Amino acid sequence: MDKQYCGMENINDEKLSKFQVTIRFYMDEEFMKLVPTHRIYINGLIDKNIIDYYAVSMETQRSWMIINAADKKEVQNYLEQSSLYNYWTVEIDELFVYDSQAYRLPALQLN
């Protein structure tokens, strides 16, 4: 193997790593006005298989996402393009293992 195997398969042909992004945010009136633009941007990244999942807790004012990228710099670049970026404190961690039901074969059902 010439290239380092990242241990996770992606839909595209590139070998990308998966990064867990944890975001802490604060809100004001302007924040709420920017949410629709942000959602359009996030939906586009999900449609392109750049984001695997996206979750937001209003209770703790935190957000989490898994991003497929070559490195942390690329992840940071995606995040900076969000209309909400100035409201965020961001942590980016490269994942060694990422497993979920979505990566499993469907259960066999005999008729």
PDB file of N, CA and C in Angstrom:
ATOM      1  N   MET A   1       0.830  -1.176   0.000  1.00  0.00           N
ATOM      2  CA  MET A   1       0.000   0.000   0.000  1.00  0.00           C
ATOM      3  C   MET A   1       0.881   1.248   0.000  1.00  0.00           C
ATOM      4  N   ASP A   2       0.795   2.026  -1.066  1.00  0.00           N
ATOM      5  CA  ASP A   2       1.570   3.264  -1.139  1.00  0.00           C
ATOM      6  C   ASP A   2       0.952   4.366  -0.300  1.00  0.00           C
ATOM      7  N   LYS A   3      -0.376   4.478  -0.368  1.00  0.00           N
ATOM      8  CA  LYS A   3      -1.070   5.520   0.390  1.00  0.00           C
ATOM      9  C   LYS A   3      -1.477   4.969   1.747  1.00  0.00           C
ATOM     10  N   GLN A   4      -1.496   5.844   2.715  1.00  0.00           N
ATOM     11  CA  GLN A   4      -1.945   5.442   4.034  1.00  0.00           C
ATOM     12  C   GLN A   4      -3.444   5.195   3.980  1.00  0.00           C
ATOM     13  N   TYR A   5      -3.879   4.049   4.457  1.00  0.00           N
ATOM     14  CA  TYR A   5      -5.296   3.716   4.477  1.00  0.00           C
ATOM     15  C   TYR A   5      -5.934   4.383   5.670  1.00  0.00           C
ATOM     16  N   CYS A   6      -6.985   5.141   5.434  1.00  0.00           N
ATOM     17  CA  CYS A   6      -7.601   5.893   6.527  1.00  0.00           C
ATOM     18  C   CYS A   6      -8.602   5.050   7.308  1.00  0.00           C
ATOM     19  N   GLY A   7      -8.945   3.849   6.809  1.00  0.00           N
ATOM     20  CA  GLY A   7      -9.811   2.970   7.571  1.00  0.00           C
ATOM     21  C   GLY A   7     -11.292   3.267   7.455  1.00  0.00           C
ATOM     22  N   MET A   8     -11.662   4.195   6.632  1.00  0.00           N
ATOM     23  CA  MET A   8     -13.067   4.551   6.473  1.00  0.00           C
ATOM     24  C   MET A   8     -13.343   4.774   4.996  1.00  0.00           C
ATOM     25  N   GLU A   9     -14.451   4.258   4.554  1.00  0.00           N
ATOM     26  CA  GLU A   9     -14.807   4.412   3.156  1.00  0.00           C
ATOM     27  C   GLU A   9     -15.680   5.641   2.971  1.00  0.00           C
ATOM     28  N   ASN A  10     -15.490   6.304   1.861  1.00  0.00           N
ATOM     29  CA  ASN A  10     -16.309   7.456   1.499  1.00  0.00           C
ATOM     30  C   ASN A  10     -16.964   7.155   0.159  1.00  0.00           C
ATOM     31  N   ILE A  11     -17.991   7.894  -0.152  1.00  0.00           N
ATOM     32  CA  ILE A  11     -18.733   7.660  -1.383  1.00  0.00           C
ATOM     33  C   ILE A  11     -17.902   8.015  -2.606  1.00  0.00           C
ATOM     34  N   ASN A  12     -17.060   9.019  -2.510  1.00  0.00           N
ATOM     35  CA  ASN A  12     -16.241   9.405  -3.662  1.00  0.00           C
ATOM     36  C   ASN A  12     -14.960   8.576  -3.704  1.00  0.00           C
ATOM     37  N   ASP A  13     -14.149   8.745  -4.736  1.00  0.00           N
ATOM     38  CA  ASP A  13     -12.951   7.938  -4.935  1.00  0.00           C
ATOM     39  C   ASP A  13     -11.759   8.404  -4.112  1.00  0.00           C
ATOM     40  N   GLU A  14     -11.768   9.636  -3.648  1.00  0.00           N
ATOM     41  CA  GLU A  14     -10.656  10.148  -2.863  1.00  0.00           C
ATOM     42  C   GLU A  14     -10.625   9.473  -1.502  1.00  0.00           C
ATOM     43  N   LYS A  15      -9.420   9.279  -0.986  1.00  0.00           N
ATOM     44  CA  LYS A  15      -9.284   8.788   0.385  1.00  0.00           C
ATOM     45  C   LYS A  15      -9.288  10.006   1.304  1.00  0.00           C
ATOM     46  N   LEU A  16     -10.401  10.207   1.952  1.00  0.00           N
ATOM     47  CA  LEU A  16     -10.551  11.337   2.859  1.00  0.00           C
ATOM     48  C   LEU A  16     -10.653  10.817   4.282  1.00  0.00           C
ATOM     49  N   SER A  17     -10.287  11.637   5.218  1.00  0.00           N
ATOM     50  CA  SER A  17     -10.473  11.312   6.623  1.00  0.00           C
ATOM     51  C   SER A  17     -11.799  11.891   7.085  1.00  0.00           C
ATOM     52  N   LYS A  18     -12.251  11.397   8.226  1.00  0.00           N
ATOM     53  CA  LYS A  18     -13.471  11.927   8.831  1.00  0.00           C
ATOM     54  C   LYS A  18     -13.066  12.746  10.051  1.00  0.00           C
ATOM     55  N   PHE A  19     -13.707  13.890  10.187  1.00  0.00           N
ATOM     56  CA  PHE A  19     -13.417  14.799  11.290  1.00  0.00           C
ATOM     57  C   PHE A  19     -14.689  15.084  12.067  1.00  0.00           C
ATOM     58  N   GLN A  20     -14.606  14.959  13.384  1.00  0.00           N
ATOM     59  CA  GLN A  20     -15.703  15.343  14.271  1.00  0.00           C
ATOM     60  C   GLN A  20     -15.527  16.824  14.587  1.00  0.00           C
ATOM     61  N   VAL A  21     -16.532  17.610  14.273  1.00  0.00           N
ATOM     62  CA  VAL A  21     -16.503  19.036  14.565  1.00  0.00           C
ATOM     63  C   VAL A  21     -17.491  19.309  15.694  1.00  0.00           C
ATOM     64  N   THR A  22     -17.003  19.947  16.736  1.00  0.00           N
ATOM     65  CA  THR A  22     -17.848  20.372  17.851  1.00  0.00           C
ATOM     66  C   THR A  22     -17.850  21.893  17.858  1.00  0.00           C
ATOM     67  N   ILE A  23     -19.034  22.450  17.839  1.00  0.00           N
ATOM     68  CA  ILE A  23     -19.188  23.906  17.771  1.00  0.00           C
ATOM     69  C   ILE A  23     -19.972  24.383  18.987  1.00  0.00           C
ATOM     70  N   ARG A  24     -19.454  25.390  19.644  1.00  0.00           N
ATOM     71  CA  ARG A  24     -20.205  26.113  20.678  1.00  0.00           C
ATOM     72  C   ARG A  24     -20.578  27.456  20.048  1.00  0.00           C
ATOM     73  N   PHE A  25     -21.810  27.873  20.237  1.00  0.00           N
ATOM     74  CA  PHE A  25     -22.252  29.110  19.602  1.00  0.00           C
ATOM     75  C   PHE A  25     -23.049  29.964  20.573  1.00  0.00           C
ATOM     76  N   TYR A  26     -23.130  31.233  20.260  1.00  0.00           N
ATOM     77  CA  TYR A  26     -24.013  32.133  20.996  1.00  0.00           C
ATOM     78  C   TYR A  26     -24.986  32.722  19.990  1.00  0.00           C
ATOM     79  N   MET A  27     -26.122  33.184  20.493  1.00  0.00           N
ATOM     80  CA  MET A  27     -27.171  33.681  19.606  1.00  0.00           C
ATOM     81  C   MET A  27     -27.573  35.098  19.976  1.00  0.00           C
ATOM     82  N   ASP A  28     -27.948  35.838  18.945  1.00  0.00           N
ATOM     83  CA  ASP A  28     -28.589  37.132  19.108  1.00  0.00           C
ATOM     84  C   ASP A  28     -29.577  37.268  17.946  1.00  0.00           C
ATOM     85  N   GLU A  29     -30.172  38.425  17.789  1.00  0.00           N
ATOM     86  CA  GLU A  29     -31.155  38.609  16.713  1.00  0.00           C
ATOM     87  C   GLU A  29     -30.535  38.395  15.334  1.00  0.00           C
ATOM     88  N   GLU A  30     -29.336  38.889  15.133  1.00  0.00           N
ATOM     89  CA  GLU A  30     -28.660  38.743  13.843  1.00  0.00           C
ATOM     90  C   GLU A  30     -28.395  37.274  13.532  1.00  0.00           C
ATOM     91  N   PHE A  31     -28.027  36.505  14.550  1.00  0.00           N
ATOM     92  CA  PHE A  31     -27.789  35.070  14.379  1.00  0.00           C
ATOM     93  C   PHE A  31     -29.002  34.405  13.737  1.00  0.00           C
ATOM     94  N   MET A  32     -30.176  34.663  14.288  1.00  0.00           N
ATOM     95  CA  MET A  32     -31.397  34.030  13.786  1.00  0.00           C
ATOM     96  C   MET A  32     -31.693  34.429  12.338  1.00  0.00           C
ATOM     97  N   LYS A  33     -31.329  35.636  11.950  1.00  0.00           N
ATOM     98  CA  LYS A  33     -31.524  36.073  10.565  1.00  0.00           C
ATOM     99  C   LYS A  33     -30.606  35.319   9.605  1.00  0.00           C
ATOM    100  N   LEU A  34     -29.460  34.852  10.107  1.00  0.00           N
ATOM    101  CA  LEU A  34     -28.483  34.158   9.267  1.00  0.00           C
ATOM    102  C   LEU A  34     -28.727  32.653   9.156  1.00  0.00           C
ATOM    103  N   VAL A  35     -29.608  32.122   9.985  1.00  0.00           N
ATOM    104  CA  VAL A  35     -29.853  30.676  10.006  1.00  0.00           C
ATOM    105  C   VAL A  35     -30.316  30.133   8.645  1.00  0.00           C
ATOM    106  N   PRO A  36     -31.277  30.757   7.943  1.00  0.00           N
ATOM    107  CA  PRO A  36     -31.702  30.193   6.655  1.00  0.00           C
ATOM    108  C   PRO A  36     -30.552  30.059   5.640  1.00  0.00           C
ATOM    109  N   THR A  37     -29.686  31.050   5.552  1.00  0.00           N
ATOM    110  CA  THR A  37     -28.535  30.979   4.636  1.00  0.00           C
ATOM    111  C   THR A  37     -27.592  29.865   5.058  1.00  0.00           C
ATOM    112  N   HIS A  38     -27.380  29.747   6.350  1.00  0.00           N
ATOM    113  CA  HIS A  38     -26.526  28.686   6.887  1.00  0.00           C
ATOM    114  C   HIS A  38     -27.085  27.308   6.532  1.00  0.00           C
ATOM    115  N   ARG A  39     -28.386  27.121   6.700  1.00  0.00           N
ATOM    116  CA  ARG A  39     -29.011  25.821   6.409  1.00  0.00           C
ATOM    117  C   ARG A  39     -28.880  25.471   4.927  1.00  0.00           C
ATOM    118  N   ILE A  40     -29.010  26.435   4.051  1.00  0.00           N
ATOM    119  CA  ILE A  40     -28.823  26.182   2.615  1.00  0.00           C
ATOM    120  C   ILE A  40     -27.398  25.697   2.368  1.00  0.00           C
ATOM    121  N   TYR A  41     -26.431  26.342   2.996  1.00  0.00           N
ATOM    122  CA  TYR A  41     -25.022  25.957   2.849  1.00  0.00           C
ATOM    123  C   TYR A  41     -24.786  24.538   3.387  1.00  0.00           C
ATOM    124  N   ILE A  42     -25.274  24.250   4.591  1.00  0.00           N
ATOM    125  CA  ILE A  42     -25.101  22.925   5.204  1.00  0.00           C
ATOM    126  C   ILE A  42     -25.783  21.857   4.356  1.00  0.00           C
ATOM    127  N   ASN A  43     -26.995  22.126   3.880  1.00  0.00           N
ATOM    128  CA  ASN A  43     -27.705  21.159   3.029  1.00  0.00           C
ATOM    129  C   ASN A  43     -26.905  20.849   1.770  1.00  0.00           C
ATOM    130  N   GLY A  44     -26.265  21.857   1.203  1.00  0.00           N
ATOM    131  CA  GLY A  44     -25.429  21.640   0.025  1.00  0.00           C
ATOM    132  C   GLY A  44     -24.246  20.733   0.331  1.00  0.00           C
ATOM    133  N   LEU A  45     -23.620  20.914   1.493  1.00  0.00           N
ATOM    134  CA  LEU A  45     -22.494  20.056   1.885  1.00  0.00           C
ATOM    135  C   LEU A  45     -22.953  18.623   2.157  1.00  0.00           C
ATOM    136  N   ILE A  46     -24.147  18.474   2.719  1.00  0.00           N
ATOM    137  CA  ILE A  46     -24.704  17.134   2.931  1.00  0.00           C
ATOM    138  C   ILE A  46     -24.971  16.473   1.584  1.00  0.00           C
ATOM    139  N   ASP A  47     -25.569  17.215   0.656  1.00  0.00           N
ATOM    140  CA  ASP A  47     -25.869  16.670  -0.676  1.00  0.00           C
ATOM    141  C   ASP A  47     -24.610  16.246  -1.423  1.00  0.00           C
ATOM    142  N   LYS A  48     -23.481  16.916  -1.162  1.00  0.00           N
ATOM    143  CA  LYS A  48     -22.199  16.588  -1.814  1.00  0.00           C
ATOM    144  C   LYS A  48     -21.409  15.531  -1.040  1.00  0.00           C
ATOM    145  N   ASN A  49     -22.007  14.969   0.009  1.00  0.00           N
ATOM    146  CA  ASN A  49     -21.357  13.964   0.854  1.00  0.00           C
ATOM    147  C   ASN A  49     -20.121  14.486   1.573  1.00  0.00           C
ATOM    148  N   ILE A  50     -20.066  15.779   1.780  1.00  0.00           N
ATOM    149  CA  ILE A  50     -18.976  16.372   2.558  1.00  0.00           C
ATOM    150  C   ILE A  50     -19.314  16.260   4.040  1.00  0.00           C
ATOM    151  N   ILE A  51     -20.574  16.475   4.383  1.00  0.00           N
ATOM    152  CA  ILE A  51     -21.035  16.291   5.758  1.00  0.00           C
ATOM    153  C   ILE A  51     -21.823  14.995   5.829  1.00  0.00           C
ATOM    154  N   ASP A  52     -21.422  14.124   6.782  1.00  0.00           N
ATOM    155  CA  ASP A  52     -22.149  12.867   7.022  1.00  0.00           C
ATOM    156  C   ASP A  52     -23.355  13.089   7.926  1.00  0.00           C
ATOM    157  N   TYR A  53     -23.168  13.872   8.969  1.00  0.00           N
ATOM    158  CA  TYR A  53     -24.300  14.190   9.840  1.00  0.00           C
ATOM    159  C   TYR A  53     -24.108  15.563  10.452  1.00  0.00           C
ATOM    160  N   TYR A  54     -25.242  16.121  10.851  1.00  0.00           N
ATOM    161  CA  TYR A  54     -25.268  17.473  11.414  1.00  0.00           C
ATOM    162  C   TYR A  54     -26.324  17.489  12.504  1.00  0.00           C
ATOM    163  N   ALA A  55     -25.965  17.930  13.692  1.00  0.00           N
ATOM    164  CA  ALA A  55     -26.918  17.981  14.808  1.00  0.00           C
ATOM    165  C   ALA A  55     -26.705  19.273  15.586  1.00  0.00           C
ATOM    166  N   VAL A  56     -27.798  19.815  16.118  1.00  0.00           N
ATOM    167  CA  VAL A  56     -27.744  21.058  16.884  1.00  0.00           C
ATOM    168  C   VAL A  56     -28.558  20.880  18.159  1.00  0.00           C
ATOM    169  N   SER A  57     -27.991  21.322  19.286  1.00  0.00           N
ATOM    170  CA  SER A  57     -28.719  21.378  20.547  1.00  0.00           C
ATOM    171  C   SER A  57     -28.904  22.843  20.929  1.00  0.00           C
ATOM    172  N   MET A  58     -30.143  23.281  20.972  1.00  0.00           N
ATOM    173  CA  MET A  58     -30.413  24.651  21.409  1.00  0.00           C
ATOM    174  C   MET A  58     -30.273  24.737  22.929  1.00  0.00           C
ATOM    175  N   GLU A  59     -30.503  23.617  23.621  1.00  0.00           N
ATOM    176  CA  GLU A  59     -30.389  23.576  25.078  1.00  0.00           C
ATOM    177  C   GLU A  59     -28.971  23.925  25.539  1.00  0.00           C
ATOM    178  N   THR A  60     -27.965  23.327  24.873  1.00  0.00           N
ATOM    179  CA  THR A  60     -26.573  23.554  25.280  1.00  0.00           C
ATOM    180  C   THR A  60     -25.841  24.520  24.351  1.00  0.00           C
ATOM    181  N   GLN A  61     -26.526  24.981  23.319  1.00  0.00           N
ATOM    182  CA  GLN A  61     -25.941  25.850  22.294  1.00  0.00           C
ATOM    183  C   GLN A  61     -24.649  25.241  21.746  1.00  0.00           C
ATOM    184  N   ARG A  62     -24.784  23.966  21.342  1.00  0.00           N
ATOM    185  CA  ARG A  62     -23.692  23.250  20.695  1.00  0.00           C
ATOM    186  C   ARG A  62     -24.204  22.582  19.434  1.00  0.00           C
ATOM    187  N   SER A  63     -23.267  22.335  18.545  1.00  0.00           N
ATOM    188  CA  SER A  63     -23.561  21.657  17.291  1.00  0.00           C
ATOM    189  C   SER A  63     -22.439  20.659  17.029  1.00  0.00           C
ATOM    190  N   TRP A  64     -22.791  19.569  16.337  1.00  0.00           N
ATOM    191  CA  TRP A  64     -21.809  18.543  15.983  1.00  0.00           C
ATOM    192  C   TRP A  64     -22.004  18.156  14.532  1.00  0.00           C
ATOM    193  N   MET A  65     -20.902  17.854  13.883  1.00  0.00           N
ATOM    194  CA  MET A  65     -20.989  17.319  12.525  1.00  0.00           C
ATOM    195  C   MET A  65     -19.779  16.448  12.245  1.00  0.00           C
ATOM    196  N   ILE A  66     -19.964  15.520  11.331  1.00  0.00           N
ATOM    197  CA  ILE A  66     -18.862  14.722  10.795  1.00  0.00           C
ATOM    198  C   ILE A  66     -18.622  15.239   9.391  1.00  0.00           C
ATOM    199  N   ILE A  67     -17.378  15.647   9.129  1.00  0.00           N
ATOM    200  CA  ILE A  67     -17.013  16.193   7.820  1.00  0.00           C
ATOM    201  C   ILE A  67     -15.945  15.310   7.187  1.00  0.00           C
ATOM    202  N   ASN A  68     -16.128  14.990   5.913  1.00  0.00           N
ATOM    203  CA  ASN A  68     -15.142  14.251   5.123  1.00  0.00           C
ATOM    204  C   ASN A  68     -14.219  15.264   4.460  1.00  0.00           C
ATOM    205  N   ALA A  69     -12.911  15.150   4.738  1.00  0.00           N
ATOM    206  CA  ALA A  69     -11.955  16.108   4.180  1.00  0.00           C
ATOM    207  C   ALA A  69     -10.555  15.495   4.184  1.00  0.00           C
ATOM    208  N   ALA A  70      -9.667  16.126   3.439  1.00  0.00           N
ATOM    209  CA  ALA A  70      -8.286  15.659   3.361  1.00  0.00           C
ATOM    210  C   ALA A  70      -7.520  15.980   4.643  1.00  0.00           C
ATOM    211  N   ASP A  71      -7.813  17.123   5.274  1.00  0.00           N
ATOM    212  CA  ASP A  71      -7.085  17.533   6.471  1.00  0.00           C
ATOM    213  C   ASP A  71      -7.898  18.574   7.247  1.00  0.00           C
ATOM    214  N   LYS A  72      -7.391  18.954   8.419  1.00  0.00           N
ATOM    215  CA  LYS A  72      -8.100  19.926   9.263  1.00  0.00           C
ATOM    216  C   LYS A  72      -8.246  21.281   8.586  1.00  0.00           C
ATOM    217  N   LYS A  73      -7.266  21.641   7.790  1.00  0.00           N
ATOM    218  CA  LYS A  73      -7.321  22.932   7.088  1.00  0.00           C
ATOM    219  C   LYS A  73      -8.526  22.985   6.141  1.00  0.00           C
ATOM    220  N   GLU A  74      -8.779  21.885   5.448  1.00  0.00           N
ATOM    221  CA  GLU A  74      -9.938  21.823   4.551  1.00  0.00           C
ATOM    222  C   GLU A  74     -11.242  21.905   5.349  1.00  0.00           C
ATOM    223  N   VAL A  75     -11.286  21.230   6.501  1.00  0.00           N
ATOM    224  CA  VAL A  75     -12.468  21.311   7.367  1.00  0.00           C
ATOM    225  C   VAL A  75     -12.696  22.761   7.790  1.00  0.00           C
ATOM    226  N   GLN A  76     -11.633  23.401   8.235  1.00  0.00           N
ATOM    227  CA  GLN A  76     -11.721  24.796   8.671  1.00  0.00           C
ATOM    228  C   GLN A  76     -12.247  25.687   7.542  1.00  0.00           C
ATOM    229  N   ASN A  77     -11.789  25.421   6.330  1.00  0.00           N
ATOM    230  CA  ASN A  77     -12.236  26.189   5.169  1.00  0.00           C
ATOM    231  C   ASN A  77     -13.749  26.034   4.958  1.00  0.00           C
ATOM    232  N   TYR A  78     -14.256  24.808   5.067  1.00  0.00           N
ATOM    233  CA  TYR A  78     -15.707  24.596   4.943  1.00  0.00           C
ATOM    234  C   TYR A  78     -16.455  25.383   6.012  1.00  0.00           C
ATOM    235  N   LEU A  79     -15.963  25.328   7.242  1.00  0.00           N
ATOM    236  CA  LEU A  79     -16.650  25.989   8.355  1.00  0.00           C
ATOM    237  C   LEU A  79     -16.668  27.501   8.188  1.00  0.00           C
ATOM    238  N   GLU A  80     -15.553  28.060   7.737  1.00  0.00           N
ATOM    239  CA  GLU A  80     -15.445  29.515   7.585  1.00  0.00           C
ATOM    240  C   GLU A  80     -16.412  30.079   6.552  1.00  0.00           C
ATOM    241  N   GLN A  81     -16.908  29.243   5.664  1.00  0.00           N
ATOM    242  CA  GLN A  81     -17.834  29.706   4.635  1.00  0.00           C
ATOM    243  C   GLN A  81     -19.279  29.812   5.125  1.00  0.00           C
ATOM    244  N   SER A  82     -19.549  29.331   6.331  1.00  0.00           N
ATOM    245  CA  SER A  82     -20.897  29.437   6.881  1.00  0.00           C
ATOM    246  C   SER A  82     -21.184  30.878   7.300  1.00  0.00           C
ATOM    247  N   SER A  83     -22.414  31.290   7.097  1.00  0.00           N
ATOM    248  CA  SER A  83     -22.829  32.636   7.513  1.00  0.00           C
ATOM    249  C   SER A  83     -22.805  32.792   9.033  1.00  0.00           C
ATOM    250  N   LEU A  84     -22.773  31.695   9.775  1.00  0.00           N
ATOM    251  CA  LEU A  84     -22.778  31.744  11.239  1.00  0.00           C
ATOM    252  C   LEU A  84     -21.390  31.640  11.857  1.00  0.00           C
ATOM    253  N   TYR A  85     -20.364  31.525  11.044  1.00  0.00           N
ATOM    254  CA  TYR A  85     -19.017  31.236  11.545  1.00  0.00           C
ATOM    255  C   TYR A  85     -18.558  32.196  12.644  1.00  0.00           C
ATOM    256  N   ASN A  86     -18.875  33.464  12.537  1.00  0.00           N
ATOM    257  CA  ASN A  86     -18.423  34.441  13.532  1.00  0.00           C
ATOM    258  C   ASN A  86     -19.055  34.246  14.910  1.00  0.00           C
ATOM    259  N   TYR A  87     -20.068  33.406  15.006  1.00  0.00           N
ATOM    260  CA  TYR A  87     -20.737  33.122  16.276  1.00  0.00           C
ATOM    261  C   TYR A  87     -20.203  31.850  16.936  1.00  0.00           C
ATOM    262  N   TRP A  88     -19.226  31.209  16.318  1.00  0.00           N
ATOM    263  CA  TRP A  88     -18.778  29.883  16.735  1.00  0.00           C
ATOM    264  C   TRP A  88     -17.428  29.882  17.429  1.00  0.00           C
ATOM    265  N   THR A  89     -17.277  28.933  18.339  1.00  0.00           N
ATOM    266  CA  THR A  89     -15.984  28.462  18.827  1.00  0.00           C
ATOM    267  C   THR A  89     -15.915  27.005  18.385  1.00  0.00           C
ATOM    268  N   VAL A  90     -14.860  26.637  17.663  1.00  0.00           N
ATOM    269  CA  VAL A  90     -14.812  25.355  16.962  1.00  0.00           C
ATOM    270  C   VAL A  90     -13.696  24.458  17.486  1.00  0.00           C
ATOM    271  N   GLU A  91     -14.010  23.162  17.604  1.00  0.00           N
ATOM    272  CA  GLU A  91     -13.008  22.125  17.857  1.00  0.00           C
ATOM    273  C   GLU A  91     -13.091  21.134  16.706  1.00  0.00           C
ATOM    274  N   ILE A  92     -11.950  20.730  16.161  1.00  0.00           N
ATOM    275  CA  ILE A  92     -11.898  19.782  15.053  1.00  0.00           C
ATOM    276  C   ILE A  92     -11.002  18.623  15.470  1.00  0.00           C
ATOM    277  N   ASP A  93     -11.538  17.408  15.422  1.00  0.00           N
ATOM    278  CA  ASP A  93     -10.785  16.217  15.795  1.00  0.00           C
ATOM    279  C   ASP A  93     -10.860  15.191  14.671  1.00  0.00           C
ATOM    280  N   GLU A  94      -9.694  14.699  14.235  1.00  0.00           N
ATOM    281  CA  GLU A  94      -9.680  13.625  13.237  1.00  0.00           C
ATOM    282  C   GLU A  94     -10.077  12.329  13.921  1.00  0.00           C
ATOM    283  N   LEU A  95     -10.960  11.575  13.295  1.00  0.00           N
ATOM    284  CA  LEU A  95     -11.459  10.336  13.877  1.00  0.00           C
ATOM    285  C   LEU A  95     -10.631   9.138  13.426  1.00  0.00           C
ATOM    286  N   PHE A  96     -10.409   8.234  14.331  1.00  0.00           N
ATOM    287  CA  PHE A  96      -9.742   6.970  14.027  1.00  0.00           C
ATOM    288  C   PHE A  96     -10.778   5.919  13.652  1.00  0.00           C
ATOM    289  N   VAL A  97     -11.907   5.900  14.373  1.00  0.00           N
ATOM    290  CA  VAL A  97     -12.998   4.965  14.105  1.00  0.00           C
ATOM    291  C   VAL A  97     -14.287   5.756  14.022  1.00  0.00           C
ATOM    292  N   TYR A  98     -15.079   5.450  13.011  1.00  0.00           N
ATOM    293  CA  TYR A  98     -16.413   6.018  12.877  1.00  0.00           C
ATOM    294  C   TYR A  98     -17.300   4.909  12.355  1.00  0.00           C
ATOM    295  N   ASP A  99     -18.255   4.491  13.164  1.00  0.00           N
ATOM    296  CA  ASP A  99     -19.138   3.388  12.804  1.00  0.00           C
ATOM    297  C   ASP A  99     -20.563   3.815  13.106  1.00  0.00           C
ATOM    298  N   SER A 100     -21.481   3.374  12.304  1.00  0.00           N
ATOM    299  CA  SER A 100     -22.886   3.672  12.550  1.00  0.00           C
ATOM    300  C   SER A 100     -23.741   2.692  11.769  1.00  0.00           C
ATOM    301  N   GLN A 101     -25.012   2.705  12.040  1.00  0.00           N
ATOM    302  CA  GLN A 101     -25.952   1.838  11.334  1.00  0.00           C
ATOM    303  C   GLN A 101     -25.920   2.110   9.833  1.00  0.00           C
ATOM    304  N   ALA A 102     -25.689   3.343   9.452  1.00  0.00           N
ATOM    305  CA  ALA A 102     -25.678   3.712   8.026  1.00  0.00           C
ATOM    306  C   ALA A 102     -24.551   3.013   7.262  1.00  0.00           C
ATOM    307  N   TYR A 103     -23.499   2.575   7.951  1.00  0.00           N
ATOM    308  CA  TYR A 103     -22.377   1.906   7.290  1.00  0.00           C
ATOM    309  C   TYR A 103     -22.504   0.383   7.317  1.00  0.00           C
ATOM    310  N   ARG A 104     -23.609  -0.122   7.787  1.00  0.00           N
ATOM    311  CA  ARG A 104     -23.837  -1.565   7.869  1.00  0.00           C
ATOM    312  C   ARG A 104     -24.703  -2.010   6.701  1.00  0.00           C
ATOM    313  N   LEU A 105     -24.588  -3.278   6.364  1.00  0.00           N
ATOM    314  CA  LEU A 105     -25.478  -3.861   5.356  1.00  0.00           C
ATOM    315  C   LEU A 105     -26.877  -3.964   5.939  1.00  0.00           C
ATOM    316  N   PRO A 106     -27.897  -3.811   5.113  1.00  0.00           N
ATOM    317  CA  PRO A 106     -29.252  -3.958   5.625  1.00  0.00           C
ATOM    318  C   PRO A 106     -29.472  -5.386   6.141  1.00  0.00           C
ATOM    319  N   ALA A 107     -30.351  -5.530   7.128  1.00  0.00           N
ATOM    320  CA  ALA A 107     -30.655  -6.844   7.680  1.00  0.00           C
ATOM    321  C   ALA A 107     -31.329  -7.695   6.606  1.00  0.00           C
ATOM    322  N   LEU A 108     -30.963  -8.933   6.558  1.00  0.00           N
ATOM    323  CA  LEU A 108     -31.553  -9.879   5.599  1.00  0.00           C
ATOM    324  C   LEU A 108     -32.941 -10.263   6.080  1.00  0.00           C
ATOM    325  N   GLN A 109     -33.923 -10.148   5.198  1.00  0.00           N
ATOM    326  CA  GLN A 109     -35.303 -10.504   5.538  1.00  0.00           C
ATOM    327  C   GLN A 109     -35.763 -11.586   4.583  1.00  0.00           C
ATOM    328  N   LEU A 110     -36.029 -12.742   5.142  1.00  0.00           N
ATOM    329  CA  LEU A 110     -36.520 -13.861   4.332  1.00  0.00           C
ATOM    330  C   LEU A 110     -38.028 -13.736   4.173  1.00  0.00           C
ATOM    331  N   ASN A 111     -38.498 -13.950   2.957  1.00  0.00           N
ATOM    332  CA  ASN A 111     -39.947 -13.860   2.709  1.00  0.00           C
ATOM    333  C   ASN A 111     -40.628 -15.170   2.955  1.00  0.00           C
TER     334      ASN A 111
END
